Amino acid sequence: MEKSVKIMPCLDMKNGRVVKGVHFVDIKDAGDPVECAIAYCKQGADEIALLDITATIENRRTLIDVVKKVAEVVTVPFTVGGGISDIESAMTVIESGADKISIASAGFRNPFLIRDLVKKIGSEKITVAIDVDHNPKMPSGYEVYIDGGRTPTGKDAVEWAKEVDAYGVSVILPTSKRGDGARLGYDLPIIRAIKSVVSADVVASGGAGNLEDFYDAVMAGATILLAASVFHFGIISIPALKRYLKSKGVAIIERNESK
């Protein structure tokens, strides 16, 4: 049976507000996270991501009060990332109402944290995010970046994805720094390359600008379609996207409002 593709709006959060940038900079305000979450659930989102984009850089934990408020209103699974650096902070986020957590920099710096989180809270609740940028010196042509896309690591992105997959996580979320917020299409080669070597679901993230971009990501192997600015600024609605994908023969989730 064909796996249904999920639509996941992403609420990038800074100082308690939803924001959106281009290439991880040029940040603009996009609204209140609780109001955005309610709206996306009503539109038919299949999952929602809330990423505290400056928590790691500011060396602090995720804004738990916001997590709790969003958890109270969402009717779909809800992933939280940013500032999760150990088992304790992960458990705090889960206990505050998140269904899943996403880690990136902390997992790269300490891969055993990924293993321990899988054992502690279950593989189905763990997403590992991988920020990448083009680097022709890497075997795959892509390098892992950490600290919100600020710090190059010298590590090949596809090789890191293979290592992450071996820990048994359920979702791997690569975001292309070049594509982020640019609305020029997802970076399809990295989606294909990672999907070819992992068993986890792969998220398309960074660069959606039109309906065809989402379909191209599905054809590249993504089963979760994450976007922010096209949803936040009303360029594409989730119902329209689902109708389009269905018309192209893509299996989608027909959603009623239940978590």
C-alpha atoms as a PDB file:
ATOM      1  CA  MET A   1       0.000   0.000   0.000  1.00  0.00           C
ATOM      2  CA  GLU A   2       1.329   3.417  -0.964  1.00  0.00           C
ATOM      3  CA  LYS A   3       2.356   5.569   1.965  1.00  0.00           C
ATOM      4  CA  SER A   4       0.343   8.768   2.377  1.00  0.00           C
ATOM      5  CA  VAL A   5       2.312  11.985   2.143  1.00  0.00           C
ATOM      6  CA  LYS A   6       1.998  14.379   5.094  1.00  0.00           C
ATOM      7  CA  ILE A   7       1.788  18.169   4.919  1.00  0.00           C
ATOM      8  CA  MET A   8       3.690  19.879   7.746  1.00  0.00           C
ATOM      9  CA  PRO A   9       3.611  23.659   8.230  1.00  0.00           C
ATOM     10  CA  CYS A  10       6.666  24.810  10.181  1.00  0.00           C
ATOM     11  CA  LEU A  11       6.462  27.552  12.785  1.00  0.00           C
ATOM     12  CA  ASP A  12       9.970  28.971  13.110  1.00  0.00           C
ATOM     13  CA  MET A  13       9.906  30.864  16.388  1.00  0.00           C
ATOM     14  CA  LYS A  14      12.021  33.723  17.727  1.00  0.00           C
ATOM     15  CA  ASN A  15      11.218  35.625  20.924  1.00  0.00           C
ATOM     16  CA  GLY A  16       7.869  33.855  21.130  1.00  0.00           C
ATOM     17  CA  ARG A  17       6.731  34.918  17.628  1.00  0.00           C
ATOM     18  CA  VAL A  18       6.541  32.986  14.379  1.00  0.00           C
ATOM     19  CA  VAL A  19       9.131  34.339  11.950  1.00  0.00           C
ATOM     20  CA  LYS A  20      10.450  33.449   8.525  1.00  0.00           C
ATOM     21  CA  GLY A  21      13.735  34.267   6.882  1.00  0.00           C
ATOM     22  CA  VAL A  22      15.563  33.650   3.635  1.00  0.00           C
ATOM     23  CA  HIS A  23      18.722  31.484   3.716  1.00  0.00           C
ATOM     24  CA  PHE A  24      18.370  31.482   7.550  1.00  0.00           C
ATOM     25  CA  VAL A  25      18.634  35.310   7.717  1.00  0.00           C
ATOM     26  CA  ASP A  26      16.483  38.377   6.838  1.00  0.00           C
ATOM     27  CA  ILE A  27      13.927  37.392   9.471  1.00  0.00           C
ATOM     28  CA  LYS A  28      10.342  38.721   9.205  1.00  0.00           C
ATOM     29  CA  ASP A  29       7.456  38.399  11.645  1.00  0.00           C
ATOM     30  CA  ALA A  30       4.745  35.945  10.577  1.00  0.00           C
ATOM     31  CA  GLY A  31       2.373  35.897  13.532  1.00  0.00           C
ATOM     32  CA  ASP A  32       1.448  34.357  16.863  1.00  0.00           C
ATOM     33  CA  PRO A  33       2.343  30.645  17.178  1.00  0.00           C
ATOM     34  CA  VAL A  34      -0.937  29.675  18.854  1.00  0.00           C
ATOM     35  CA  GLU A  35      -3.041  31.462  16.232  1.00  0.00           C
ATOM     36  CA  CYS A  36      -0.950  29.952  13.434  1.00  0.00           C
ATOM     37  CA  ALA A  37      -1.290  26.440  14.885  1.00  0.00           C
ATOM     38  CA  ILE A  38      -5.065  26.752  15.179  1.00  0.00           C
ATOM     39  CA  ALA A  39      -5.345  28.011  11.603  1.00  0.00           C
ATOM     40  CA  TYR A  40      -3.207  25.234  10.170  1.00  0.00           C
ATOM     41  CA  CYS A  41      -5.113  22.524  12.006  1.00  0.00           C
ATOM     42  CA  LYS A  42      -8.358  23.911  10.578  1.00  0.00           C
ATOM     43  CA  GLN A  43      -6.832  23.986   7.094  1.00  0.00           C
ATOM     44  CA  GLY A  44      -6.005  20.293   7.246  1.00  0.00           C
ATOM     45  CA  ALA A  45      -2.329  20.125   8.207  1.00  0.00           C
ATOM     46  CA  ASP A  46      -1.234  16.572   8.998  1.00  0.00           C
ATOM     47  CA  GLU A  47       1.479  17.569  11.445  1.00  0.00           C
ATOM     48  CA  ILE A  48       2.927  20.830  12.756  1.00  0.00           C
ATOM     49  CA  ALA A  49       6.532  21.675  13.593  1.00  0.00           C
ATOM     50  CA  LEU A  50       7.567  24.362  16.070  1.00  0.00           C
ATOM     51  CA  LEU A  51      11.253  25.243  15.898  1.00  0.00           C
ATOM     52  CA  ASP A  52      12.824  27.679  18.359  1.00  0.00           C
ATOM     53  CA  ILE A  53      15.435  28.826  15.853  1.00  0.00           C
ATOM     54  CA  THR A  54      17.692  30.812  18.194  1.00  0.00           C
ATOM     55  CA  ALA A  55      17.621  28.577  21.274  1.00  0.00           C
ATOM     56  CA  THR A  56      20.857  26.754  20.436  1.00  0.00           C
ATOM     57  CA  ILE A  57      22.756  29.917  19.488  1.00  0.00           C
ATOM     58  CA  GLU A  58      21.522  31.669  22.635  1.00  0.00           C
ATOM     59  CA  ASN A  59      22.488  28.597  24.675  1.00  0.00           C
ATOM     60  CA  ARG A  60      19.058  28.201  26.212  1.00  0.00           C
ATOM     61  CA  ARG A  61      16.192  25.772  26.169  1.00  0.00           C
ATOM     62  CA  THR A  62      13.020  25.918  24.098  1.00  0.00           C
ATOM     63  CA  LEU A  63      10.363  28.383  25.288  1.00  0.00           C
ATOM     64  CA  ILE A  64       8.289  25.841  27.194  1.00  0.00           C
ATOM     65  CA  ASP A  65       5.393  28.197  27.889  1.00  0.00           C
ATOM     66  CA  VAL A  66       4.837  28.547  24.143  1.00  0.00           C
ATOM     67  CA  VAL A  67       5.053  24.768  23.684  1.00  0.00           C
ATOM     68  CA  LYS A  68       2.344  24.301  26.313  1.00  0.00           C
ATOM     69  CA  LYS A  69       0.054  26.899  24.724  1.00  0.00           C
ATOM     70  CA  VAL A  70       0.414  25.398  21.259  1.00  0.00           C
ATOM     71  CA  ALA A  71      -0.053  21.849  22.600  1.00  0.00           C
ATOM     72  CA  GLU A  72      -3.393  22.915  24.072  1.00  0.00           C
ATOM     73  CA  VAL A  73      -4.817  23.918  20.685  1.00  0.00           C
ATOM     74  CA  VAL A  74      -3.297  21.538  18.108  1.00  0.00           C
ATOM     75  CA  THR A  75      -5.366  18.656  16.789  1.00  0.00           C
ATOM     76  CA  VAL A  76      -2.540  16.934  14.923  1.00  0.00           C
ATOM     77  CA  PRO A  77       0.872  15.547  15.960  1.00  0.00           C
ATOM     78  CA  PHE A  78       3.190  18.331  17.021  1.00  0.00           C
ATOM     79  CA  THR A  79       7.013  18.279  16.751  1.00  0.00           C
ATOM     80  CA  VAL A  80       9.192  20.692  18.742  1.00  0.00           C
ATOM     81  CA  GLY A  81      12.842  21.487  18.086  1.00  0.00           C
ATOM     82  CA  GLY A  82      15.452  23.994  19.186  1.00  0.00           C
ATOM     83  CA  GLY A  83      17.456  23.992  22.400  1.00  0.00           C
ATOM     84  CA  ILE A  84      16.989  20.281  23.091  1.00  0.00           C
ATOM     85  CA  SER A  85      20.446  19.261  24.202  1.00  0.00           C
ATOM     86  CA  ASP A  86      19.982  16.320  26.574  1.00  0.00           C
ATOM     87  CA  ILE A  87      17.495  13.740  27.838  1.00  0.00           C
ATOM     88  CA  GLU A  88      16.137  16.104  30.486  1.00  0.00           C
ATOM     89  CA  SER A  89      15.292  18.912  28.065  1.00  0.00           C
ATOM     90  CA  ALA A  90      13.733  16.403  25.657  1.00  0.00           C
ATOM     91  CA  MET A  91      11.533  14.976  28.388  1.00  0.00           C
ATOM     92  CA  THR A  92      10.478  18.475  29.466  1.00  0.00           C
ATOM     93  CA  VAL A  93       9.279  19.214  25.930  1.00  0.00           C
ATOM     94  CA  ILE A  94       7.370  15.918  25.697  1.00  0.00           C
ATOM     95  CA  GLU A  95       5.828  16.457  29.133  1.00  0.00           C
ATOM     96  CA  SER A  96       4.764  19.956  28.035  1.00  0.00           C
ATOM     97  CA  GLY A  97       2.574  18.448  25.333  1.00  0.00           C
ATOM     98  CA  ALA A  98       4.752  17.873  22.282  1.00  0.00           C
ATOM     99  CA  ASP A  99       4.210  14.568  20.502  1.00  0.00           C
ATOM    100  CA  LYS A 100       7.715  14.482  19.036  1.00  0.00           C
ATOM    101  CA  ILE A 101      11.051  16.232  19.356  1.00  0.00           C
ATOM    102  CA  SER A 102      13.573  17.331  16.751  1.00  0.00           C
ATOM    103  CA  ILE A 103      17.279  17.645  17.455  1.00  0.00           C
ATOM    104  CA  ALA A 104      20.114  18.823  15.235  1.00  0.00           C
ATOM    105  CA  SER A 105      23.248  20.432  16.678  1.00  0.00           C
ATOM    106  CA  ALA A 106      23.231  18.537  19.978  1.00  0.00           C
ATOM    107  CA  GLY A 107      22.812  15.231  18.182  1.00  0.00           C
ATOM    108  CA  PHE A 108      25.685  16.025  15.846  1.00  0.00           C
ATOM    109  CA  ARG A 109      27.984  16.998  18.699  1.00  0.00           C
ATOM    110  CA  ASN A 110      26.967  13.924  20.713  1.00  0.00           C
ATOM    111  CA  PRO A 111      25.588  11.134  18.500  1.00  0.00           C
ATOM    112  CA  PHE A 112      25.051   8.924  21.545  1.00  0.00           C
ATOM    113  CA  LEU A 113      22.315  11.373  22.571  1.00  0.00           C
ATOM    114  CA  ILE A 114      20.331  10.216  19.539  1.00  0.00           C
ATOM    115  CA  ARG A 115      20.757   6.596  20.589  1.00  0.00           C
ATOM    116  CA  ASP A 116      19.776   7.365  24.182  1.00  0.00           C
ATOM    117  CA  LEU A 117      16.694   9.364  23.121  1.00  0.00           C
ATOM    118  CA  VAL A 118      15.504   6.504  20.926  1.00  0.00           C
ATOM    119  CA  LYS A 119      15.802   4.151  23.907  1.00  0.00           C
ATOM    120  CA  LYS A 120      14.184   6.601  26.343  1.00  0.00           C
ATOM    121  CA  ILE A 121      11.171   7.933  24.436  1.00  0.00           C
ATOM    122  CA  GLY A 122      10.939   5.743  21.339  1.00  0.00           C
ATOM    123  CA  SER A 123      12.128   6.048  17.756  1.00  0.00           C
ATOM    124  CA  GLU A 124       8.732   7.241  16.528  1.00  0.00           C
ATOM    125  CA  LYS A 125       9.106  10.411  18.602  1.00  0.00           C
ATOM    126  CA  ILE A 126      12.557  11.404  17.331  1.00  0.00           C
ATOM    127  CA  THR A 127      13.319  13.569  14.310  1.00  0.00           C
ATOM    128  CA  VAL A 128      16.910  14.424  13.483  1.00  0.00           C
ATOM    129  CA  ALA A 129      17.235  17.662  11.518  1.00  0.00           C
ATOM    130  CA  ILE A 130      20.260  18.154   9.272  1.00  0.00           C
ATOM    131  CA  ASP A 131      21.029  21.617   7.908  1.00  0.00           C
ATOM    132  CA  VAL A 132      23.107  21.324   4.756  1.00  0.00           C
ATOM    133  CA  ASP A 133      24.826  23.512   2.206  1.00  0.00           C
ATOM    134  CA  HIS A 134      26.554  22.774  -1.083  1.00  0.00           C
ATOM    135  CA  ASN A 135      30.235  21.898  -0.830  1.00  0.00           C
ATOM    136  CA  PRO A 136      31.857  20.229  -3.860  1.00  0.00           C
ATOM    137  CA  LYS A 137      34.670  18.922  -1.642  1.00  0.00           C
ATOM    138  CA  MET A 138      32.232  16.565   0.106  1.00  0.00           C
ATOM    139  CA  PRO A 139      31.614  13.114  -1.465  1.00  0.00           C
ATOM    140  CA  SER A 140      27.899  13.868  -1.817  1.00  0.00           C
ATOM    141  CA  GLY A 141      28.414  17.553  -2.607  1.00  0.00           C
ATOM    142  CA  TYR A 142      26.687  18.570   0.639  1.00  0.00           C
ATOM    143  CA  GLU A 143      28.140  19.498   4.037  1.00  0.00           C
ATOM    144  CA  VAL A 144      26.421  19.384   7.430  1.00  0.00           C
ATOM    145  CA  TYR A 145      25.983  22.730   9.190  1.00  0.00           C
ATOM    146  CA  ILE A 146      25.024  23.193  12.842  1.00  0.00           C
ATOM    147  CA  ASP A 147      24.053  26.087  15.125  1.00  0.00           C
ATOM    148  CA  GLY A 148      21.093  27.110  12.990  1.00  0.00           C
ATOM    149  CA  GLY A 149      23.060  26.828   9.757  1.00  0.00           C
ATOM    150  CA  ARG A 150      25.892  29.022  10.979  1.00  0.00           C
ATOM    151  CA  THR A 151      28.724  26.551  11.593  1.00  0.00           C
ATOM    152  CA  PRO A 152      30.228  24.236   8.946  1.00  0.00           C
ATOM    153  CA  THR A 153      31.265  20.846  10.315  1.00  0.00           C
ATOM    154  CA  GLY A 154      33.402  19.259   7.612  1.00  0.00           C
ATOM    155  CA  LYS A 155      31.029  16.268   7.662  1.00  0.00           C
ATOM    156  CA  ASP A 156      29.358  14.869   4.553  1.00  0.00           C
ATOM    157  CA  ALA A 157      25.580  15.245   4.844  1.00  0.00           C
ATOM    158  CA  VAL A 158      24.641  11.879   3.325  1.00  0.00           C
ATOM    159  CA  GLU A 159      27.171  10.036   5.456  1.00  0.00           C
ATOM    160  CA  TRP A 160      25.757  11.710   8.567  1.00  0.00           C
ATOM    161  CA  ALA A 161      22.224  10.771   7.513  1.00  0.00           C
ATOM    162  CA  LYS A 162      23.321   7.117   7.243  1.00  0.00           C
ATOM    163  CA  GLU A 163      24.781   7.257  10.746  1.00  0.00           C
ATOM    164  CA  VAL A 164      21.596   8.858  12.109  1.00  0.00           C
ATOM    165  CA  ASP A 165      19.429   6.246  10.418  1.00  0.00           C
ATOM    166  CA  ALA A 166      21.435   3.458  12.044  1.00  0.00           C
ATOM    167  CA  TYR A 167      20.245   4.698  15.451  1.00  0.00           C
ATOM    168  CA  GLY A 168      16.669   3.919  14.404  1.00  0.00           C
ATOM    169  CA  VAL A 169      15.111   7.383  14.264  1.00  0.00           C
ATOM    170  CA  SER A 170      11.803   7.582  12.405  1.00  0.00           C
ATOM    171  CA  VAL A 171      12.312  10.888  10.573  1.00  0.00           C
ATOM    172  CA  ILE A 172      15.284  12.699   9.045  1.00  0.00           C
ATOM    173  CA  LEU A 173      14.766  16.355   8.142  1.00  0.00           C
ATOM    174  CA  PRO A 174      17.382  17.840   5.795  1.00  0.00           C
ATOM    175  CA  THR A 175      17.099  21.566   5.103  1.00  0.00           C
ATOM    176  CA  SER A 176      19.146  23.147   2.344  1.00  0.00           C
ATOM    177  CA  LYS A 177      20.601  26.469   3.413  1.00  0.00           C
ATOM    178  CA  ARG A 178      20.598  27.577  -0.221  1.00  0.00           C
ATOM    179  CA  GLY A 179      16.910  26.784  -0.614  1.00  0.00           C
ATOM    180  CA  ASP A 180      15.586  28.024   2.729  1.00  0.00           C
ATOM    181  CA  GLY A 181      12.891  30.656   2.256  1.00  0.00           C
ATOM    182  CA  ALA A 182      13.946  31.351  -1.331  1.00  0.00           C
ATOM    183  CA  ARG A 183      10.796  29.789  -2.876  1.00  0.00           C
ATOM    184  CA  LEU A 184      12.840  28.440  -5.784  1.00  0.00           C
ATOM    185  CA  GLY A 185      12.053  24.790  -5.112  1.00  0.00           C
ATOM    186  CA  TYR A 186      13.354  22.158  -2.732  1.00  0.00           C
ATOM    187  CA  ASP A 187      16.947  21.007  -3.116  1.00  0.00           C
ATOM    188  CA  LEU A 188      15.979  17.710  -4.759  1.00  0.00           C
ATOM    189  CA  PRO A 189      19.433  16.083  -5.063  1.00  0.00           C
ATOM    190  CA  ILE A 190      19.924  15.999  -1.281  1.00  0.00           C
ATOM    191  CA  ILE A 191      16.454  14.521  -0.761  1.00  0.00           C
ATOM    192  CA  ARG A 192      17.188  11.790  -3.322  1.00  0.00           C
ATOM    193  CA  ALA A 193      20.653  11.112  -1.959  1.00  0.00           C
ATOM    194  CA  ILE A 194      19.511  10.751   1.652  1.00  0.00           C
ATOM    195  CA  LYS A 195      16.411   8.735   0.792  1.00  0.00           C
ATOM    196  CA  SER A 196      18.554   6.276  -1.155  1.00  0.00           C
ATOM    197  CA  VAL A 197      20.567   5.341   1.947  1.00  0.00           C
ATOM    198  CA  VAL A 198      18.078   5.517   4.852  1.00  0.00           C
ATOM    199  CA  SER A 199      14.958   3.688   5.967  1.00  0.00           C
ATOM    200  CA  ALA A 200      13.570   6.678   7.921  1.00  0.00           C
ATOM    201  CA  ASP A 201      10.975   9.011   6.442  1.00  0.00           C
ATOM    202  CA  VAL A 202      12.667  11.965   4.755  1.00  0.00           C
ATOM    203  CA  VAL A 203      11.219  15.465   5.079  1.00  0.00           C
ATOM    204  CA  ALA A 204      11.397  17.940   2.206  1.00  0.00           C
ATOM    205  CA  SER A 205      12.334  21.265   3.780  1.00  0.00           C
ATOM    206  CA  GLY A 206      13.580  24.601   2.492  1.00  0.00           C
ATOM    207  CA  GLY A 207      12.512  26.302  -0.696  1.00  0.00           C
ATOM    208  CA  ALA A 208       8.914  25.468  -1.639  1.00  0.00           C
ATOM    209  CA  GLY A 209       7.491  28.205  -3.847  1.00  0.00           C
ATOM    210  CA  ASN A 210       4.708  26.634  -5.899  1.00  0.00           C
ATOM    211  CA  LEU A 211       2.550  23.510  -6.092  1.00  0.00           C
ATOM    212  CA  GLU A 212       4.902  21.738  -8.492  1.00  0.00           C
ATOM    213  CA  ASP A 213       7.759  22.019  -5.986  1.00  0.00           C
ATOM    214  CA  PHE A 214       5.863  19.830  -3.536  1.00  0.00           C
ATOM    215  CA  TYR A 215       5.158  17.199  -6.191  1.00  0.00           C
ATOM    216  CA  ASP A 216       8.811  17.207  -7.258  1.00  0.00           C
ATOM    217  CA  ALA A 217       9.804  16.529  -3.641  1.00  0.00           C
ATOM    218  CA  VAL A 218       7.467  13.541  -3.472  1.00  0.00           C
ATOM    219  CA  MET A 219       9.001  12.178  -6.671  1.00  0.00           C
ATOM    220  CA  ALA A 220      12.450  12.640  -5.090  1.00  0.00           C
ATOM    221  CA  GLY A 221      11.427  10.428  -2.169  1.00  0.00           C
ATOM    222  CA  ALA A 222      10.070  12.772   0.501  1.00  0.00           C
ATOM    223  CA  THR A 223       7.048  11.531   2.453  1.00  0.00           C
ATOM    224  CA  ILE A 224       6.671  14.622   4.671  1.00  0.00           C
ATOM    225  CA  LEU A 225       6.393  18.019   2.984  1.00  0.00           C
ATOM    226  CA  LEU A 226       7.439  20.872   5.263  1.00  0.00           C
ATOM    227  CA  ALA A 227       6.981  24.506   4.323  1.00  0.00           C
ATOM    228  CA  ALA A 228       6.697  27.845   6.068  1.00  0.00           C
ATOM    229  CA  SER A 229       6.581  31.083   4.098  1.00  0.00           C
ATOM    230  CA  VAL A 230       4.229  29.873   1.342  1.00  0.00           C
ATOM    231  CA  PHE A 231       1.722  28.922   4.034  1.00  0.00           C
ATOM    232  CA  HIS A 232       2.376  31.839   6.409  1.00  0.00           C
ATOM    233  CA  PHE A 233       1.948  34.483   3.728  1.00  0.00           C
ATOM    234  CA  GLY A 234      -1.013  32.899   1.946  1.00  0.00           C
ATOM    235  CA  ILE A 235       0.793  31.973  -1.270  1.00  0.00           C
ATOM    236  CA  ILE A 236      -0.446  28.369  -1.087  1.00  0.00           C
ATOM    237  CA  SER A 237      -3.238  26.964   1.064  1.00  0.00           C
ATOM    238  CA  ILE A 238      -3.071  23.458   2.483  1.00  0.00           C
ATOM    239  CA  PRO A 239      -6.444  22.425   0.957  1.00  0.00           C
ATOM    240  CA  ALA A 240      -5.275  23.594  -2.482  1.00  0.00           C
ATOM    241  CA  LEU A 241      -1.996  21.721  -2.076  1.00  0.00           C
ATOM    242  CA  LYS A 242      -3.773  18.516  -1.089  1.00  0.00           C
ATOM    243  CA  ARG A 243      -6.153  18.792  -4.041  1.00  0.00           C
ATOM    244  CA  TYR A 244      -3.214  19.299  -6.373  1.00  0.00           C
ATOM    245  CA  LEU A 245      -1.238  16.350  -5.027  1.00  0.00           C
ATOM    246  CA  LYS A 246      -4.299  14.114  -5.169  1.00  0.00           C
ATOM    247  CA  SER A 247      -4.851  15.116  -8.800  1.00  0.00           C
ATOM    248  CA  LYS A 248      -1.276  13.980  -9.510  1.00  0.00           C
ATOM    249  CA  GLY A 249      -1.965  10.558  -7.998  1.00  0.00           C
ATOM    250  CA  VAL A 250      -0.199  11.193  -4.694  1.00  0.00           C
ATOM    251  CA  ALA A 251      -1.769   9.516  -1.653  1.00  0.00           C
ATOM    252  CA  ILE A 252      -2.721  12.167   0.892  1.00  0.00           C
ATOM    253  CA  ILE A 253      -4.422  12.107   4.284  1.00  0.00           C
ATOM    254  CA  GLU A 254      -8.070  13.148   4.250  1.00  0.00           C
ATOM    255  CA  ARG A 255      -8.130  14.795   7.638  1.00  0.00           C
ATOM    256  CA  ASN A 256     -10.803  15.470  10.160  1.00  0.00           C
ATOM    257  CA  GLU A 257      -9.835  17.407  13.277  1.00  0.00           C
ATOM    258  CA  SER A 258      -8.595  14.788  15.709  1.00  0.00           C
ATOM    259  CA  LYS A 259      -5.123  14.411  17.161  1.00  0.00           C
END
